[in-house]
Amino acid sequence: METKAKLKYARISPRKVRRVTDVIKGKKAGDAMINLEFLPHRGSKIVAKILKSAMANAEQKKVADPESMKVSGVFVDQGPTMKRMKPRAMGRADTIRKRSSHITVILEE
């Protein structure tokens, strides 16, 4: 049996989150939480919160011991991009793209 947790519209770019999620794929949930705690990246706090939510979902469903479940999949998809303009020299403008992401964590027995 598997349990999921999703976070949509997270205000961090998918590229920054993927370098964190690659570390925890295939590990036990308890070990993954410890790894995320010591990673220096900003995305690790966000992914840790989602992983904790997935573990709570597993406990709520009474599927198995959440600590011993395995992180079978972590998906980071691109969300909508907010576009902002920044003034530049000689009347020109640059586009600033503020990216967002949708993060899904799947736990399996």
PDB file of N, CA and C in Angstrom:
ATOM      1  N   MET A   1       0.844  -1.181   0.000  1.00  0.00           N
ATOM      2  CA  MET A   1       0.000   0.000   0.000  1.00  0.00           C
ATOM      3  C   MET A   1       0.884   1.237   0.000  1.00  0.00           C
ATOM      4  N   GLU A   2       0.458   2.243  -0.677  1.00  0.00           N
ATOM      5  CA  GLU A   2       1.247   3.473  -0.749  1.00  0.00           C
ATOM      6  C   GLU A   2       0.455   4.662  -0.232  1.00  0.00           C
ATOM      7  N   THR A   3       1.198   5.655   0.248  1.00  0.00           N
ATOM      8  CA  THR A   3       0.586   6.904   0.691  1.00  0.00           C
ATOM      9  C   THR A   3       1.297   8.058   0.004  1.00  0.00           C
ATOM     10  N   LYS A   4       0.545   9.141  -0.197  1.00  0.00           N
ATOM     11  CA  LYS A   4       1.076  10.295  -0.916  1.00  0.00           C
ATOM     12  C   LYS A   4       0.901  11.560  -0.097  1.00  0.00           C
ATOM     13  N   ALA A   5       1.727  12.542  -0.427  1.00  0.00           N
ATOM     14  CA  ALA A   5       1.548  13.900   0.079  1.00  0.00           C
ATOM     15  C   ALA A   5       1.990  14.838  -1.033  1.00  0.00           C
ATOM     16  N   LYS A   6       1.217  15.906  -1.244  1.00  0.00           N
ATOM     17  CA  LYS A   6       1.522  16.858  -2.314  1.00  0.00           C
ATOM     18  C   LYS A   6       1.611  18.269  -1.760  1.00  0.00           C
ATOM     19  N   LEU A   7       2.480  19.047  -2.360  1.00  0.00           N
ATOM     20  CA  LEU A   7       2.527  20.482  -2.115  1.00  0.00           C
ATOM     21  C   LEU A   7       2.490  21.148  -3.471  1.00  0.00           C
ATOM     22  N   LYS A   8       1.516  22.008  -3.668  1.00  0.00           N
ATOM     23  CA  LYS A   8       1.388  22.705  -4.943  1.00  0.00           C
ATOM     24  C   LYS A   8       1.741  24.169  -4.760  1.00  0.00           C
ATOM     25  N   TYR A   9       2.232  24.758  -5.810  1.00  0.00           N
ATOM     26  CA  TYR A   9       2.577  26.184  -5.877  1.00  0.00           C
ATOM     27  C   TYR A   9       3.631  26.589  -4.850  1.00  0.00           C
ATOM     28  N   ALA A  10       4.614  25.725  -4.612  1.00  0.00           N
ATOM     29  CA  ALA A  10       5.718  26.080  -3.715  1.00  0.00           C
ATOM     30  C   ALA A  10       6.584  27.124  -4.409  1.00  0.00           C
ATOM     31  N   ARG A  11       6.902  28.205  -3.721  1.00  0.00           N
ATOM     32  CA  ARG A  11       7.636  29.310  -4.346  1.00  0.00           C
ATOM     33  C   ARG A  11       9.143  29.062  -4.329  1.00  0.00           C
ATOM     34  N   ILE A  12       9.539  27.986  -4.992  1.00  0.00           N
ATOM     35  CA  ILE A  12      10.941  27.653  -5.185  1.00  0.00           C
ATOM     36  C   ILE A  12      11.037  26.974  -6.538  1.00  0.00           C
ATOM     37  N   SER A  13      12.125  27.193  -7.235  1.00  0.00           N
ATOM     38  CA  SER A  13      12.225  26.635  -8.582  1.00  0.00           C
ATOM     39  C   SER A  13      12.412  25.117  -8.515  1.00  0.00           C
ATOM     40  N   PRO A  14      11.872  24.396  -9.485  1.00  0.00           N
ATOM     41  CA  PRO A  14      11.973  22.937  -9.477  1.00  0.00           C
ATOM     42  C   PRO A  14      13.416  22.440  -9.517  1.00  0.00           C
ATOM     43  N   ARG A  15      14.273  23.179 -10.163  1.00  0.00           N
ATOM     44  CA  ARG A  15      15.675  22.771 -10.277  1.00  0.00           C
ATOM     45  C   ARG A  15      16.352  22.713  -8.904  1.00  0.00           C
ATOM     46  N   LYS A  16      16.000  23.657  -8.034  1.00  0.00           N
ATOM     47  CA  LYS A  16      16.589  23.698  -6.699  1.00  0.00           C
ATOM     48  C   LYS A  16      16.045  22.591  -5.803  1.00  0.00           C
ATOM     49  N   VAL A  17      14.800  22.191  -6.045  1.00  0.00           N
ATOM     50  CA  VAL A  17      14.207  21.137  -5.227  1.00  0.00           C
ATOM     51  C   VAL A  17      14.695  19.771  -5.687  1.00  0.00           C
ATOM     52  N   ARG A  18      14.921  19.603  -6.981  1.00  0.00           N
ATOM     53  CA  ARG A  18      15.327  18.290  -7.515  1.00  0.00           C
ATOM     54  C   ARG A  18      16.665  17.836  -6.971  1.00  0.00           C
ATOM     55  N   ARG A  19      17.575  18.771  -6.693  1.00  0.00           N
ATOM     56  CA  ARG A  19      18.872  18.342  -6.160  1.00  0.00           C
ATOM     57  C   ARG A  19      18.736  17.804  -4.738  1.00  0.00           C
ATOM     58  N   VAL A  20      17.671  18.184  -4.046  1.00  0.00           N
ATOM     59  CA  VAL A  20      17.405  17.649  -2.709  1.00  0.00           C
ATOM     60  C   VAL A  20      16.679  16.314  -2.804  1.00  0.00           C
ATOM     61  N   THR A  21      15.703  16.217  -3.710  1.00  0.00           N
ATOM     62  CA  THR A  21      14.901  14.998  -3.804  1.00  0.00           C
ATOM     63  C   THR A  21      15.700  13.815  -4.340  1.00  0.00           C
ATOM     64  N   ASP A  22      16.737  14.081  -5.134  1.00  0.00           N
ATOM     65  CA  ASP A  22      17.576  12.990  -5.638  1.00  0.00           C
ATOM     66  C   ASP A  22      18.310  12.280  -4.503  1.00  0.00           C
ATOM     67  N   VAL A  23      18.543  12.978  -3.409  1.00  0.00           N
ATOM     68  CA  VAL A  23      19.264  12.407  -2.264  1.00  0.00           C
ATOM     69  C   VAL A  23      18.409  11.386  -1.525  1.00  0.00           C
ATOM     70  N   ILE A  24      17.081  11.618  -1.432  1.00  0.00           N
ATOM     71  CA  ILE A  24      16.247  10.763  -0.579  1.00  0.00           C
ATOM     72  C   ILE A  24      15.505   9.654  -1.320  1.00  0.00           C
ATOM     73  N   LYS A  25      15.583   9.615  -2.637  1.00  0.00           N
ATOM     74  CA  LYS A  25      14.872   8.579  -3.386  1.00  0.00           C
ATOM     75  C   LYS A  25      15.392   7.196  -3.006  1.00  0.00           C
ATOM     76  N   GLY A  26      14.454   6.287  -2.713  1.00  0.00           N
ATOM     77  CA  GLY A  26      14.809   4.904  -2.421  1.00  0.00           C
ATOM     78  C   GLY A  26      15.222   4.640  -0.988  1.00  0.00           C
ATOM     79  N   LYS A  27      15.276   5.640  -0.130  1.00  0.00           N
ATOM     80  CA  LYS A  27      15.684   5.444   1.262  1.00  0.00           C
ATOM     81  C   LYS A  27      14.463   5.229   2.143  1.00  0.00           C
ATOM     82  N   LYS A  28      14.709   4.752   3.352  1.00  0.00           N
ATOM     83  CA  LYS A  28      13.634   4.640   4.328  1.00  0.00           C
ATOM     84  C   LYS A  28      13.254   6.035   4.790  1.00  0.00           C
ATOM     85  N   ALA A  29      12.002   6.200   5.186  1.00  0.00           N
ATOM     86  CA  ALA A  29      11.487   7.522   5.533  1.00  0.00           C
ATOM     87  C   ALA A  29      12.231   8.131   6.717  1.00  0.00           C
ATOM     88  N   GLY A  30      12.557   7.323   7.711  1.00  0.00           N
ATOM     89  CA  GLY A  30      13.287   7.827   8.873  1.00  0.00           C
ATOM     90  C   GLY A  30      14.678   8.316   8.502  1.00  0.00           C
ATOM     91  N   ASP A  31      15.376   7.541   7.672  1.00  0.00           N
ATOM     92  CA  ASP A  31      16.719   7.933   7.224  1.00  0.00           C
ATOM     93  C   ASP A  31      16.662   9.178   6.343  1.00  0.00           C
ATOM     94  N   ALA A  32      15.618   9.263   5.526  1.00  0.00           N
ATOM     95  CA  ALA A  32      15.464  10.418   4.642  1.00  0.00           C
ATOM     96  C   ALA A  32      15.246  11.693   5.459  1.00  0.00           C
ATOM     97  N   MET A  33      14.471  11.604   6.541  1.00  0.00           N
ATOM     98  CA  MET A  33      14.246  12.767   7.401  1.00  0.00           C
ATOM     99  C   MET A  33      15.555  13.243   8.028  1.00  0.00           C
ATOM    100  N   ILE A  34      16.382  12.296   8.451  1.00  0.00           N
ATOM    101  CA  ILE A  34      17.675  12.662   9.048  1.00  0.00           C
ATOM    102  C   ILE A  34      18.565  13.321   8.006  1.00  0.00           C
ATOM    103  N   ASN A  35      18.591  12.776   6.794  1.00  0.00           N
ATOM    104  CA  ASN A  35      19.395  13.370   5.719  1.00  0.00           C
ATOM    105  C   ASN A  35      18.935  14.786   5.398  1.00  0.00           C
ATOM    106  N   LEU A  36      17.621  14.985   5.320  1.00  0.00           N
ATOM    107  CA  LEU A  36      17.085  16.311   4.988  1.00  0.00           C
ATOM    108  C   LEU A  36      17.386  17.333   6.075  1.00  0.00           C
ATOM    109  N   GLU A  37      17.464  16.871   7.302  1.00  0.00           N
ATOM    110  CA  GLU A  37      17.729  17.776   8.412  1.00  0.00           C
ATOM    111  C   GLU A  37      19.112  18.417   8.302  1.00  0.00           C
ATOM    112  N   PHE A  38      20.074  17.686   7.744  1.00  0.00           N
ATOM    113  CA  PHE A  38      21.449  18.169   7.690  1.00  0.00           C
ATOM    114  C   PHE A  38      21.877  18.707   6.333  1.00  0.00           C
ATOM    115  N   LEU A  39      20.980  18.720   5.353  1.00  0.00           N
ATOM    116  CA  LEU A  39      21.320  19.312   4.060  1.00  0.00           C
ATOM    117  C   LEU A  39      21.255  20.839   4.159  1.00  0.00           C
ATOM    118  N   PRO A  40      22.195  21.553   3.544  1.00  0.00           N
ATOM    119  CA  PRO A  40      22.220  23.011   3.683  1.00  0.00           C
ATOM    120  C   PRO A  40      21.281  23.758   2.735  1.00  0.00           C
ATOM    121  N   HIS A  41      20.576  23.059   1.868  1.00  0.00           N
ATOM    122  CA  HIS A  41      19.762  23.718   0.861  1.00  0.00           C
ATOM    123  C   HIS A  41      18.411  24.155   1.416  1.00  0.00           C
ATOM    124  N   ARG A  42      17.848  25.210   0.832  1.00  0.00           N
ATOM    125  CA  ARG A  42      16.548  25.722   1.260  1.00  0.00           C
ATOM    126  C   ARG A  42      15.426  24.741   0.955  1.00  0.00           C
ATOM    127  N   GLY A  43      15.558  24.011  -0.136  1.00  0.00           N
ATOM    128  CA  GLY A  43      14.531  23.046  -0.528  1.00  0.00           C
ATOM    129  C   GLY A  43      14.411  21.876   0.432  1.00  0.00           C
ATOM    130  N   SER A  44      15.435  21.622   1.230  1.00  0.00           N
ATOM    131  CA  SER A  44      15.387  20.476   2.139  1.00  0.00           C
ATOM    132  C   SER A  44      14.329  20.672   3.225  1.00  0.00           C
ATOM    133  N   LYS A  45      14.122  21.911   3.667  1.00  0.00           N
ATOM    134  CA  LYS A  45      13.101  22.175   4.681  1.00  0.00           C
ATOM    135  C   LYS A  45      11.703  21.937   4.111  1.00  0.00           C
ATOM    136  N   ILE A  46      11.512  22.335   2.854  1.00  0.00           N
ATOM    137  CA  ILE A  46      10.216  22.160   2.203  1.00  0.00           C
ATOM    138  C   ILE A  46       9.922  20.680   1.982  1.00  0.00           C
ATOM    139  N   VAL A  47      10.915  19.933   1.488  1.00  0.00           N
ATOM    140  CA  VAL A  47      10.725  18.508   1.221  1.00  0.00           C
ATOM    141  C   VAL A  47      10.549  17.742   2.534  1.00  0.00           C
ATOM    142  N   ALA A  48      11.250  18.161   3.591  1.00  0.00           N
ATOM    143  CA  ALA A  48      11.092  17.504   4.896  1.00  0.00           C
ATOM    144  C   ALA A  48       9.670  17.658   5.416  1.00  0.00           C
ATOM    145  N   LYS A  49       9.088  18.821   5.199  1.00  0.00           N
ATOM    146  CA  LYS A  49       7.718  19.063   5.644  1.00  0.00           C
ATOM    147  C   LYS A  49       6.731  18.167   4.889  1.00  0.00           C
ATOM    148  N   ILE A  50       6.948  17.989   3.587  1.00  0.00           N
ATOM    149  CA  ILE A  50       6.072  17.132   2.783  1.00  0.00           C
ATOM    150  C   ILE A  50       6.249  15.666   3.181  1.00  0.00           C
ATOM    151  N   LEU A  51       7.507  15.254   3.427  1.00  0.00           N
ATOM    152  CA  LEU A  51       7.780  13.879   3.843  1.00  0.00           C
ATOM    153  C   LEU A  51       7.119  13.589   5.192  1.00  0.00           C
ATOM    154  N   LYS A  52       7.174  14.554   6.088  1.00  0.00           N
ATOM    155  CA  LYS A  52       6.523  14.394   7.397  1.00  0.00           C
ATOM    156  C   LYS A  52       5.006  14.251   7.225  1.00  0.00           C
ATOM    157  N   SER A  53       4.448  14.994   6.272  1.00  0.00           N
ATOM    158  CA  SER A  53       3.019  14.902   5.985  1.00  0.00           C
ATOM    159  C   SER A  53       2.662  13.534   5.415  1.00  0.00           C
ATOM    160  N   ALA A  54       3.507  12.999   4.531  1.00  0.00           N
ATOM    161  CA  ALA A  54       3.262  11.671   3.959  1.00  0.00           C
ATOM    162  C   ALA A  54       3.334  10.594   5.041  1.00  0.00           C
ATOM    163  N   MET A  55       4.263  10.765   5.983  1.00  0.00           N
ATOM    164  CA  MET A  55       4.375   9.807   7.091  1.00  0.00           C
ATOM    165  C   MET A  55       3.133   9.882   7.989  1.00  0.00           C
ATOM    166  N   ALA A  56       2.628  11.097   8.212  1.00  0.00           N
ATOM    167  CA  ALA A  56       1.413  11.256   9.010  1.00  0.00           C
ATOM    168  C   ALA A  56       0.210  10.649   8.295  1.00  0.00           C
ATOM    169  N   ASN A  57       0.161  10.759   6.965  1.00  0.00           N
ATOM    170  CA  ASN A  57      -0.916  10.140   6.189  1.00  0.00           C
ATOM    171  C   ASN A  57      -0.880   8.622   6.332  1.00  0.00           C
ATOM    172  N   ALA A  58       0.330   8.049   6.324  1.00  0.00           N
ATOM    173  CA  ALA A  58       0.479   6.592   6.471  1.00  0.00           C
ATOM    174  C   ALA A  58       0.032   6.151   7.861  1.00  0.00           C
ATOM    175  N   GLU A  59       0.347   6.960   8.868  1.00  0.00           N
ATOM    176  CA  GLU A  59      -0.064   6.625  10.227  1.00  0.00           C
ATOM    177  C   GLU A  59      -1.583   6.732  10.372  1.00  0.00           C
ATOM    178  N   GLN A  60      -2.164   7.727   9.725  1.00  0.00           N
ATOM    179  CA  GLN A  60      -3.616   7.930   9.784  1.00  0.00           C
ATOM    180  C   GLN A  60      -4.364   6.760   9.140  1.00  0.00           C
ATOM    181  N   LYS A  61      -3.826   6.277   8.000  1.00  0.00           N
ATOM    182  CA  LYS A  61      -4.454   5.153   7.298  1.00  0.00           C
ATOM    183  C   LYS A  61      -4.160   3.817   7.972  1.00  0.00           C
ATOM    184  N   LYS A  62      -3.229   3.815   8.926  1.00  0.00           N
ATOM    185  CA  LYS A  62      -2.780   2.593   9.614  1.00  0.00           C
ATOM    186  C   LYS A  62      -2.263   1.565   8.609  1.00  0.00           C
ATOM    187  N   VAL A  63      -1.446   2.041   7.674  1.00  0.00           N
ATOM    188  CA  VAL A  63      -0.887   1.177   6.638  1.00  0.00           C
ATOM    189  C   VAL A  63       0.271   0.366   7.194  1.00  0.00           C
ATOM    190  N   ALA A  64       1.272   1.045   7.739  1.00  0.00           N
ATOM    191  CA  ALA A  64       2.454   0.392   8.287  1.00  0.00           C
ATOM    192  C   ALA A  64       3.161   1.397   9.191  1.00  0.00           C
ATOM    193  N   ASP A  65       4.292   0.987   9.727  1.00  0.00           N
ATOM    194  CA  ASP A  65       5.097   1.897  10.535  1.00  0.00           C
ATOM    195  C   ASP A  65       5.705   2.946   9.607  1.00  0.00           C
ATOM    196  N   PRO A  66       5.372   4.225   9.800  1.00  0.00           N
ATOM    197  CA  PRO A  66       5.838   5.260   8.867  1.00  0.00           C
ATOM    198  C   PRO A  66       7.362   5.383   8.791  1.00  0.00           C
ATOM    199  N   GLU A  67       8.049   5.105   9.900  1.00  0.00           N
ATOM    200  CA  GLU A  67       9.513   5.224   9.916  1.00  0.00           C
ATOM    201  C   GLU A  67      10.167   4.191   8.990  1.00  0.00           C
ATOM    202  N   SER A  68       9.556   3.009   8.893  1.00  0.00           N
ATOM    203  CA  SER A  68      10.175   1.939   8.101  1.00  0.00           C
ATOM    204  C   SER A  68       9.727   1.938   6.643  1.00  0.00           C
ATOM    205  N   MET A  69       8.789   2.804   6.270  1.00  0.00           N
ATOM    206  CA  MET A  69       8.342   2.863   4.878  1.00  0.00           C
ATOM    207  C   MET A  69       9.437   3.441   3.992  1.00  0.00           C
ATOM    208  N   LYS A  70       9.393   3.072   2.723  1.00  0.00           N
ATOM    209  CA  LYS A  70      10.422   3.487   1.770  1.00  0.00           C
ATOM    210  C   LYS A  70       9.894   4.618   0.890  1.00  0.00           C
ATOM    211  N   VAL A  71      10.752   5.579   0.599  1.00  0.00           N
ATOM    212  CA  VAL A  71      10.395   6.670  -0.307  1.00  0.00           C
ATOM    213  C   VAL A  71      10.510   6.105  -1.720  1.00  0.00           C
ATOM    214  N   SER A  72       9.375   5.702  -2.291  1.00  0.00           N
ATOM    215  CA  SER A  72       9.410   5.049  -3.603  1.00  0.00           C
ATOM    216  C   SER A  72       9.465   6.046  -4.743  1.00  0.00           C
ATOM    217  N   GLY A  73       8.941   7.245  -4.528  1.00  0.00           N
ATOM    218  CA  GLY A  73       8.971   8.232  -5.599  1.00  0.00           C
ATOM    219  C   GLY A  73       8.847   9.643  -5.069  1.00  0.00           C
ATOM    220  N   VAL A  74       9.596  10.535  -5.681  1.00  0.00           N
ATOM    221  CA  VAL A  74       9.486  11.963  -5.393  1.00  0.00           C
ATOM    222  C   VAL A  74       9.458  12.662  -6.738  1.00  0.00           C
ATOM    223  N   PHE A  75       8.371  13.388  -6.995  1.00  0.00           N
ATOM    224  CA  PHE A  75       8.225  14.074  -8.272  1.00  0.00           C
ATOM    225  C   PHE A  75       8.195  15.572  -8.046  1.00  0.00           C
ATOM    226  N   VAL A  76       8.961  16.282  -8.849  1.00  0.00           N
ATOM    227  CA  VAL A  76       8.964  17.745  -8.790  1.00  0.00           C
ATOM    228  C   VAL A  76       8.600  18.241 -10.179  1.00  0.00           C
ATOM    229  N   ASP A  77       7.418  18.823 -10.294  1.00  0.00           N
ATOM    230  CA  ASP A  77       6.937  19.352 -11.560  1.00  0.00           C
ATOM    231  C   ASP A  77       6.927  20.865 -11.500  1.00  0.00           C
ATOM    232  N   GLN A  78       7.035  21.479 -12.658  1.00  0.00           N
ATOM    233  CA  GLN A  78       7.044  22.932 -12.715  1.00  0.00           C
ATOM    234  C   GLN A  78       5.624  23.474 -12.592  1.00  0.00           C
ATOM    235  N   GLY A  79       5.478  24.467 -11.732  1.00  0.00           N
ATOM    236  CA  GLY A  79       4.203  25.146 -11.569  1.00  0.00           C
ATOM    237  C   GLY A  79       4.177  26.397 -12.421  1.00  0.00           C
ATOM    238  N   PRO A  80       3.208  27.258 -12.197  1.00  0.00           N
ATOM    239  CA  PRO A  80       3.135  28.501 -12.971  1.00  0.00           C
ATOM    240  C   PRO A  80       4.286  29.439 -12.628  1.00  0.00           C
ATOM    241  N   THR A  81       4.672  30.237 -13.599  1.00  0.00           N
ATOM    242  CA  THR A  81       5.761  31.199 -13.431  1.00  0.00           C
ATOM    243  C   THR A  81       5.190  32.605 -13.391  1.00  0.00           C
ATOM    244  N   MET A  82       5.540  33.349 -12.345  1.00  0.00           N
ATOM    245  CA  MET A  82       5.136  34.751 -12.268  1.00  0.00           C
ATOM    246  C   MET A  82       6.178  35.572 -13.025  1.00  0.00           C
ATOM    247  N   LYS A  83       5.730  36.475 -13.866  1.00  0.00           N
ATOM    248  CA  LYS A  83       6.649  37.286 -14.653  1.00  0.00           C
ATOM    249  C   LYS A  83       6.614  38.719 -14.143  1.00  0.00           C
ATOM    250  N   ARG A  84       7.800  39.245 -13.877  1.00  0.00           N
ATOM    251  CA  ARG A  84       7.947  40.617 -13.405  1.00  0.00           C
ATOM    252  C   ARG A  84       8.921  41.341 -14.323  1.00  0.00           C
ATOM    253  N   MET A  85       8.825  42.651 -14.385  1.00  0.00           N
ATOM    254  CA  MET A  85       9.705  43.438 -15.241  1.00  0.00           C
ATOM    255  C   MET A  85      10.683  44.234 -14.379  1.00  0.00           C
ATOM    256  N   LYS A  86      11.920  44.333 -14.889  1.00  0.00           N
ATOM    257  CA  LYS A  86      12.956  45.101 -14.209  1.00  0.00           C
ATOM    258  C   LYS A  86      13.485  46.133 -15.192  1.00  0.00           C
ATOM    259  N   PRO A  87      13.450  47.412 -14.820  1.00  0.00           N
ATOM    260  CA  PRO A  87      13.937  48.437 -15.751  1.00  0.00           C
ATOM    261  C   PRO A  87      15.442  48.337 -15.971  1.00  0.00           C
ATOM    262  N   ARG A  88      15.847  48.566 -17.221  1.00  0.00           N
ATOM    263  CA  ARG A  88      17.262  48.523 -17.599  1.00  0.00           C
ATOM    264  C   ARG A  88      17.623  49.836 -18.297  1.00  0.00           C
ATOM    265  N   ALA A  89      18.829  49.902 -18.767  1.00  0.00           N
ATOM    266  CA  ALA A  89      19.330  51.134 -19.381  1.00  0.00           C
ATOM    267  C   ALA A  89      18.628  51.426 -20.711  1.00  0.00           C
ATOM    268  N   MET A  90      18.553  52.690 -21.065  1.00  0.00           N
ATOM    269  CA  MET A  90      18.025  53.187 -22.337  1.00  0.00           C
ATOM    270  C   MET A  90      16.579  52.762 -22.581  1.00  0.00           C
ATOM    271  N   GLY A  91      15.757  52.735 -21.527  1.00  0.00           N
ATOM    272  CA  GLY A  91      14.331  52.469 -21.670  1.00  0.00           C
ATOM    273  C   GLY A  91      13.964  51.022 -21.915  1.00  0.00           C
ATOM    274  N   ARG A  92      14.892  50.125 -21.788  1.00  0.00           N
ATOM    275  CA  ARG A  92      14.601  48.706 -22.000  1.00  0.00           C
ATOM    276  C   ARG A  92      14.110  48.078 -20.700  1.00  0.00           C
ATOM    277  N   ALA A  93      13.691  46.819 -20.787  1.00  0.00           N
ATOM    278  CA  ALA A  93      13.239  46.099 -19.595  1.00  0.00           C
ATOM    279  C   ALA A  93      13.666  44.635 -19.705  1.00  0.00           C
ATOM    280  N   ASP A  94      14.010  44.047 -18.559  1.00  0.00           N
ATOM    281  CA  ASP A  94      14.319  42.623 -18.478  1.00  0.00           C
ATOM    282  C   ASP A  94      13.169  41.919 -17.771  1.00  0.00           C
ATOM    283  N   THR A  95      12.957  40.657 -18.138  1.00  0.00           N
ATOM    284  CA  THR A  95      11.923  39.864 -17.490  1.00  0.00           C
ATOM    285  C   THR A  95      12.544  39.059 -16.360  1.00  0.00           C
ATOM    286  N   ILE A  96      11.928  39.131 -15.194  1.00  0.00           N
ATOM    287  CA  ILE A  96      12.321  38.289 -14.070  1.00  0.00           C
ATOM    288  C   ILE A  96      11.264  37.214 -13.943  1.00  0.00           C
ATOM    289  N   ARG A  97      11.700  35.958 -13.974  1.00  0.00           N
ATOM    290  CA  ARG A  97      10.773  34.835 -13.877  1.00  0.00           C
ATOM    291  C   ARG A  97      10.858  34.240 -12.469  1.00  0.00           C
ATOM    292  N   LYS A  98       9.755  34.326 -11.738  1.00  0.00           N
ATOM    293  CA  LYS A  98       9.683  33.755 -10.395  1.00  0.00           C
ATOM    294  C   LYS A  98       8.969  32.412 -10.520  1.00  0.00           C
ATOM    295  N   ARG A  99       9.731  31.349 -10.454  1.00  0.00           N
ATOM    296  CA  ARG A  99       9.215  30.014 -10.723  1.00  0.00           C
ATOM    297  C   ARG A  99       8.601  29.386  -9.477  1.00  0.00           C
ATOM    298  N   SER A 100       7.658  28.481  -9.707  1.00  0.00           N
ATOM    299  CA  SER A 100       7.060  27.720  -8.615  1.00  0.00           C
ATOM    300  C   SER A 100       7.076  26.246  -9.009  1.00  0.00           C
ATOM    301  N   SER A 101       6.804  25.383  -8.033  1.00  0.00           N
ATOM    302  CA  SER A 101       6.874  23.958  -8.318  1.00  0.00           C
ATOM    303  C   SER A 101       5.789  23.204  -7.554  1.00  0.00           C
ATOM    304  N   HIS A 102       5.441  22.032  -8.084  1.00  0.00           N
ATOM    305  CA  HIS A 102       4.523  21.102  -7.443  1.00  0.00           C
ATOM    306  C   HIS A 102       5.351  19.891  -7.030  1.00  0.00           C
ATOM    307  N   ILE A 103       5.328  19.554  -5.741  1.00  0.00           N
ATOM    308  CA  ILE A 103       6.157  18.476  -5.209  1.00  0.00           C
ATOM    309  C   ILE A 103       5.248  17.366  -4.686  1.00  0.00           C
ATOM    310  N   THR A 104       5.541  16.118  -5.079  1.00  0.00           N
ATOM    311  CA  THR A 104       4.782  14.947  -4.639  1.00  0.00           C
ATOM    312  C   THR A 104       5.744  13.927  -4.035  1.00  0.00           C
ATOM    313  N   VAL A 105       5.409  13.431  -2.854  1.00  0.00           N
ATOM    314  CA  VAL A 105       6.204  12.392  -2.188  1.00  0.00           C
ATOM    315  C   VAL A 105       5.331  11.151  -2.036  1.00  0.00           C
ATOM    316  N   ILE A 106       5.848   9.987  -2.454  1.00  0.00           N
ATOM    317  CA  ILE A 106       5.118   8.727  -2.372  1.00  0.00           C
ATOM    318  C   ILE A 106       5.908   7.757  -1.492  1.00  0.00           C
ATOM    319  N   LEU A 107       5.226   7.216  -0.477  1.00  0.00           N
ATOM    320  CA  LEU A 107       5.832   6.218   0.424  1.00  0.00           C
ATOM    321  C   LEU A 107       5.199   4.862   0.161  1.00  0.00           C
ATOM    322  N   GLU A 108       6.031   3.807   0.235  1.00  0.00           N
ATOM    323  CA  GLU A 108       5.568   2.441   0.046  1.00  0.00           C
ATOM    324  C   GLU A 108       6.083   1.566   1.166  1.00  0.00           C
ATOM    325  N   GLU A 109       5.369   0.457   1.407  1.00  0.00           N
ATOM    326  CA  GLU A 109       5.802  -0.486   2.437  1.00  0.00           C
ATOM    327  C   GLU A 109       7.068  -1.192   2.015  1.00  0.00           C
TER     328      GLU A 109
END
